[in-house]
Protein backbone atom coordinates (compact mmCIF):
# COMPACT_ATOMS: atom_id res chain seq x y z
CA GLU A 1 157.31 85.81 -142.59
CA VAL A 2 153.87 87.47 -142.46
CA ILE A 3 150.95 85.04 -142.65
CA ALA A 4 147.41 86.21 -143.48
CA LEU A 5 144.79 83.54 -142.86
CA SER A 6 141.20 83.78 -144.08
CA PRO A 7 138.36 84.25 -141.57
CA LYS A 8 137.10 80.76 -142.47
CA THR A 9 140.49 79.24 -141.63
CA LEU A 10 140.72 81.16 -138.35
CA MET A 11 137.26 79.97 -137.27
CA ALA A 12 137.83 76.33 -138.29
CA THR A 13 138.03 73.93 -135.39
CA ASN A 14 139.26 70.86 -137.28
CA ARG A 15 142.14 71.88 -139.54
CA PHE A 16 143.76 68.43 -139.73
CA ILE A 17 141.65 65.73 -141.42
CA CYS A 18 142.34 61.98 -141.53
CA GLU A 19 142.46 60.88 -145.17
CA ILE A 20 141.10 57.43 -144.26
CA CYS A 21 137.99 58.17 -142.16
CA ASN A 22 137.66 61.98 -142.56
CA LYS A 23 137.77 62.53 -138.80
CA GLY A 24 138.96 66.04 -137.96
CA PHE A 25 141.48 67.20 -135.35
CA GLN A 26 142.52 70.58 -134.00
CA ARG A 27 146.21 69.70 -133.77
CA ASP A 28 148.59 67.89 -136.12
CA GLN A 29 149.93 65.80 -133.21
CA ASN A 30 146.43 64.47 -132.53
CA LEU A 31 146.02 63.46 -136.18
CA GLN A 32 149.39 61.72 -136.16
CA LEU A 33 148.45 59.71 -133.07
CA HIS A 34 145.09 58.86 -134.68
CA ARG A 35 146.84 57.65 -137.87
CA ARG A 36 148.63 55.01 -135.80
CA GLY A 37 145.21 53.38 -135.27
CA HIS A 38 144.95 52.88 -139.04
CA ASN A 39 148.49 51.39 -139.10
CA LEU A 40 149.62 54.26 -141.30
CA PRO A 41 153.14 55.68 -141.21
CA TRP A 42 153.31 58.65 -138.87
CA LYS A 43 156.02 61.02 -137.88
CA LEU A 44 155.99 64.10 -135.72
CA ARG A 45 157.77 66.79 -137.66
CA GLN A 46 161.03 67.99 -136.18
CA ARG A 47 162.01 71.60 -136.76
CA SER A 48 165.26 71.90 -138.59
CA SER A 49 167.62 74.77 -137.88
CA LYS A 50 166.77 76.41 -141.21
CA ASP A 51 163.04 76.59 -140.31
CA VAL A 52 163.67 79.20 -137.63
CA ARG A 53 162.16 82.11 -139.61
CA LYS A 54 159.93 84.18 -137.34
CA ARG A 55 156.27 83.93 -138.28
CA VAL A 56 153.72 86.59 -137.47
CA TYR A 57 149.98 86.51 -138.10
CA VAL A 58 147.86 89.47 -139.26
CA CYS A 59 144.15 89.92 -138.58
CA PRO A 60 141.99 89.72 -141.75
CA GLU A 61 139.81 92.65 -140.60
CA PRO A 62 141.11 95.79 -142.42
CA SER A 63 139.98 98.17 -139.64
CA CYS A 64 141.86 96.24 -136.93
CA VAL A 65 145.23 97.49 -135.60
CA HIS A 66 146.57 93.92 -135.98
CA HIS A 67 145.89 94.03 -139.74
CA ASP A 68 149.14 95.98 -140.09
CA PRO A 69 152.16 93.62 -140.33
CA SER A 70 154.09 95.81 -137.89
CA ARG A 71 151.39 95.08 -135.26
CA ALA A 72 150.95 91.39 -136.13
CA LEU A 73 150.47 88.75 -133.45
CA GLY A 74 153.19 86.19 -132.85
CA ASP A 75 151.37 82.87 -132.66
CA LEU A 76 148.51 81.02 -134.32
CA THR A 77 146.57 80.48 -131.09
CA GLY A 78 146.76 84.19 -130.30
CA ILE A 79 145.43 85.30 -133.70
CA LYS A 80 142.61 82.74 -133.52
CA LYS A 81 141.52 83.95 -130.08
CA HIS A 82 141.83 87.58 -131.17
CA PHE A 83 139.72 87.05 -134.31
CA CYS A 84 137.03 85.05 -132.45
CA ARG A 85 136.67 87.86 -129.90
């Protein structure tokens, strides 16, 4: 599965927002722990065996070698660091 994120999404620091107080978090786990403070239901998502599809991330810059899906990067943190550099 090839994922192409926008430059705005790659540069965002707070992708996970609390729907109660609008506080932002970098990681879903941090948001879930925060939600407990509001006494909201929370659950860390477990990966099921059918969610094992390999994801790769392409760079949004057309002139970059990592824009080609065959040269895509394998994790979200890697593509974020790459794009910021």
